[in-house]
Amino acid sequence: MNNNKSLSRELSLISLGLIKEDLDFKLSKYQIEQIVESALDSLINHCREELDNCESELENASQKILDSELQEGFDSSLSNVREDLKSL
């Protein structure tokens, strides 16, 4: 329910920004549809950009985890080799 209110609020604010500041005019149904469609397009593009940013951050985090796991494996194998050399 709160998501619907938030979405409605965002669309209203975007739509208001698209309306020209002429106080003595009336909007036709077609003009209102265009304004709402433009507002939706803006919101969708913003969401896509945010998702792209999240995707990039997830890829970076995944790579860091992989690098960390590889480093841990390398460190433990060096330790094993050292122990084997000491026992000789």
C-alpha atoms as a PDB file:
ATOM      1  CA  MET A   1       0.000   0.000   0.000  1.00  0.00           C
ATOM      2  CA  ASN A   2       2.786   2.449   0.907  1.00  0.00           C
ATOM      3  CA  ASN A   3       4.573   1.616  -2.351  1.00  0.00           C
ATOM      4  CA  ASN A   4       1.497   2.695  -4.314  1.00  0.00           C
ATOM      5  CA  LYS A   5       1.368   6.002  -2.445  1.00  0.00           C
ATOM      6  CA  SER A   6       5.066   6.584  -2.992  1.00  0.00           C
ATOM      7  CA  LEU A   7       4.785   5.763  -6.685  1.00  0.00           C
ATOM      8  CA  SER A   8       1.759   8.034  -7.054  1.00  0.00           C
ATOM      9  CA  ARG A   9       3.606  10.834  -5.294  1.00  0.00           C
ATOM     10  CA  GLU A  10       6.650  10.456  -7.559  1.00  0.00           C
ATOM     11  CA  LEU A  11       4.506  10.429 -10.711  1.00  0.00           C
ATOM     12  CA  SER A  12       2.618  13.503  -9.504  1.00  0.00           C
ATOM     13  CA  LEU A  13       5.812  15.428  -8.852  1.00  0.00           C
ATOM     14  CA  ILE A  14       7.317  14.462 -12.203  1.00  0.00           C
ATOM     15  CA  SER A  15       4.067  15.327 -13.987  1.00  0.00           C
ATOM     16  CA  LEU A  16       3.873  18.728 -12.294  1.00  0.00           C
ATOM     17  CA  GLY A  17       7.400  19.436 -13.476  1.00  0.00           C
ATOM     18  CA  LEU A  18       6.345  18.731 -17.051  1.00  0.00           C
ATOM     19  CA  ILE A  19       3.402  21.163 -17.016  1.00  0.00           C
ATOM     20  CA  LYS A  20       4.097  24.694 -18.185  1.00  0.00           C
ATOM     21  CA  GLU A  21       3.512  27.447 -15.642  1.00  0.00           C
ATOM     22  CA  ASP A  22       0.576  29.104 -17.386  1.00  0.00           C
ATOM     23  CA  LEU A  23      -2.285  29.547 -14.963  1.00  0.00           C
ATOM     24  CA  ASP A  24      -4.999  30.202 -17.567  1.00  0.00           C
ATOM     25  CA  PHE A  25      -5.049  26.998 -19.552  1.00  0.00           C
ATOM     26  CA  LYS A  26      -6.951  23.772 -19.675  1.00  0.00           C
ATOM     27  CA  LEU A  27      -5.402  20.443 -20.523  1.00  0.00           C
ATOM     28  CA  SER A  28      -7.090  18.095 -22.927  1.00  0.00           C
ATOM     29  CA  LYS A  29      -7.335  14.413 -22.111  1.00  0.00           C
ATOM     30  CA  TYR A  30      -4.656  13.741 -24.728  1.00  0.00           C
ATOM     31  CA  GLN A  31      -2.273  16.266 -23.133  1.00  0.00           C
ATOM     32  CA  ILE A  32      -2.799  14.745 -19.704  1.00  0.00           C
ATOM     33  CA  GLU A  33      -2.064  11.288 -21.114  1.00  0.00           C
ATOM     34  CA  GLN A  34       1.131  12.613 -22.697  1.00  0.00           C
ATOM     35  CA  ILE A  35       2.247  14.181 -19.424  1.00  0.00           C
ATOM     36  CA  VAL A  36       1.582  11.003 -17.447  1.00  0.00           C
ATOM     37  CA  GLU A  37       3.295   8.888 -20.117  1.00  0.00           C
ATOM     38  CA  SER A  38       6.355  11.164 -20.029  1.00  0.00           C
ATOM     39  CA  ALA A  39       6.414  10.968 -16.236  1.00  0.00           C
ATOM     40  CA  LEU A  40       6.252   7.162 -16.382  1.00  0.00           C
ATOM     41  CA  ASP A  41       9.050   7.091 -18.955  1.00  0.00           C
ATOM     42  CA  SER A  42      11.203   9.261 -16.686  1.00  0.00           C
ATOM     43  CA  LEU A  43      10.527   7.044 -13.695  1.00  0.00           C
ATOM     44  CA  ILE A  44      11.207   3.860 -15.682  1.00  0.00           C
ATOM     45  CA  ASN A  45      14.493   5.267 -16.999  1.00  0.00           C
ATOM     46  CA  HIS A  46      15.518   6.212 -13.471  1.00  0.00           C
ATOM     47  CA  CYS A  47      14.723   2.683 -12.257  1.00  0.00           C
ATOM     48  CA  ARG A  48      16.729   1.171 -15.122  1.00  0.00           C
ATOM     49  CA  GLU A  49      19.727   3.347 -14.245  1.00  0.00           C
ATOM     50  CA  GLU A  50      19.484   2.307 -10.604  1.00  0.00           C
ATOM     51  CA  LEU A  51      19.231  -1.366 -11.572  1.00  0.00           C
ATOM     52  CA  ASP A  52      22.289  -0.992 -13.826  1.00  0.00           C
ATOM     53  CA  ASN A  53      24.197   0.541 -10.922  1.00  0.00           C
ATOM     54  CA  CYS A  54      23.117  -2.300  -8.637  1.00  0.00           C
ATOM     55  CA  GLU A  55      24.160  -4.856 -11.236  1.00  0.00           C
ATOM     56  CA  SER A  56      27.596  -3.285 -11.458  1.00  0.00           C
ATOM     57  CA  GLU A  57      27.978  -3.218  -7.678  1.00  0.00           C
ATOM     58  CA  LEU A  58      26.920  -6.869  -7.420  1.00  0.00           C
ATOM     59  CA  GLU A  59      29.429  -7.877 -10.090  1.00  0.00           C
ATOM     60  CA  ASN A  60      32.190  -6.008  -8.240  1.00  0.00           C
ATOM     61  CA  ALA A  61      31.235  -7.626  -4.938  1.00  0.00           C
ATOM     62  CA  SER A  62      31.121 -11.056  -6.545  1.00  0.00           C
ATOM     63  CA  GLN A  63      34.578 -10.538  -8.044  1.00  0.00           C
ATOM     64  CA  LYS A  64      35.967  -9.400  -4.685  1.00  0.00           C
ATOM     65  CA  ILE A  65      34.537 -12.502  -3.007  1.00  0.00           C
ATOM     66  CA  LEU A  66      36.047 -14.736  -5.693  1.00  0.00           C
ATOM     67  CA  ASP A  67      39.423 -12.979  -5.400  1.00  0.00           C
ATOM     68  CA  SER A  68      39.277 -13.367  -1.620  1.00  0.00           C
ATOM     69  CA  GLU A  69      38.485 -17.080  -1.883  1.00  0.00           C
ATOM     70  CA  LEU A  70      41.305 -17.591  -4.380  1.00  0.00           C
ATOM     71  CA  GLN A  71      43.740 -15.705  -2.123  1.00  0.00           C
ATOM     72  CA  GLU A  72      42.702 -17.804   0.887  1.00  0.00           C
ATOM     73  CA  GLY A  73      43.245 -20.981  -1.141  1.00  0.00           C
ATOM     74  CA  PHE A  74      46.645 -19.726  -2.299  1.00  0.00           C
ATOM     75  CA  ASP A  75      47.666 -18.753   1.249  1.00  0.00           C
ATOM     76  CA  SER A  76      46.662 -22.132   2.674  1.00  0.00           C
ATOM     77  CA  SER A  77      48.463 -24.040  -0.101  1.00  0.00           C
ATOM     78  CA  LEU A  78      51.653 -21.996   0.589  1.00  0.00           C
ATOM     79  CA  SER A  79      51.326 -22.863   4.240  1.00  0.00           C
ATOM     80  CA  ASN A  80      51.023 -26.565   3.374  1.00  0.00           C
ATOM     81  CA  VAL A  81      54.094 -26.404   1.132  1.00  0.00           C
ATOM     82  CA  ARG A  82      56.093 -24.705   3.904  1.00  0.00           C
ATOM     83  CA  GLU A  83      55.076 -27.368   6.394  1.00  0.00           C
ATOM     84  CA  ASP A  84      56.027 -30.118   3.938  1.00  0.00           C
ATOM     85  CA  LEU A  85      59.431 -28.494   3.327  1.00  0.00           C
ATOM     86  CA  LYS A  86      60.066 -28.153   7.067  1.00  0.00           C
ATOM     87  CA  SER A  87      59.366 -31.844   7.600  1.00  0.00           C
ATOM     88  CA  LEU A  88      62.055 -32.832   5.089  1.00  0.00           C
END
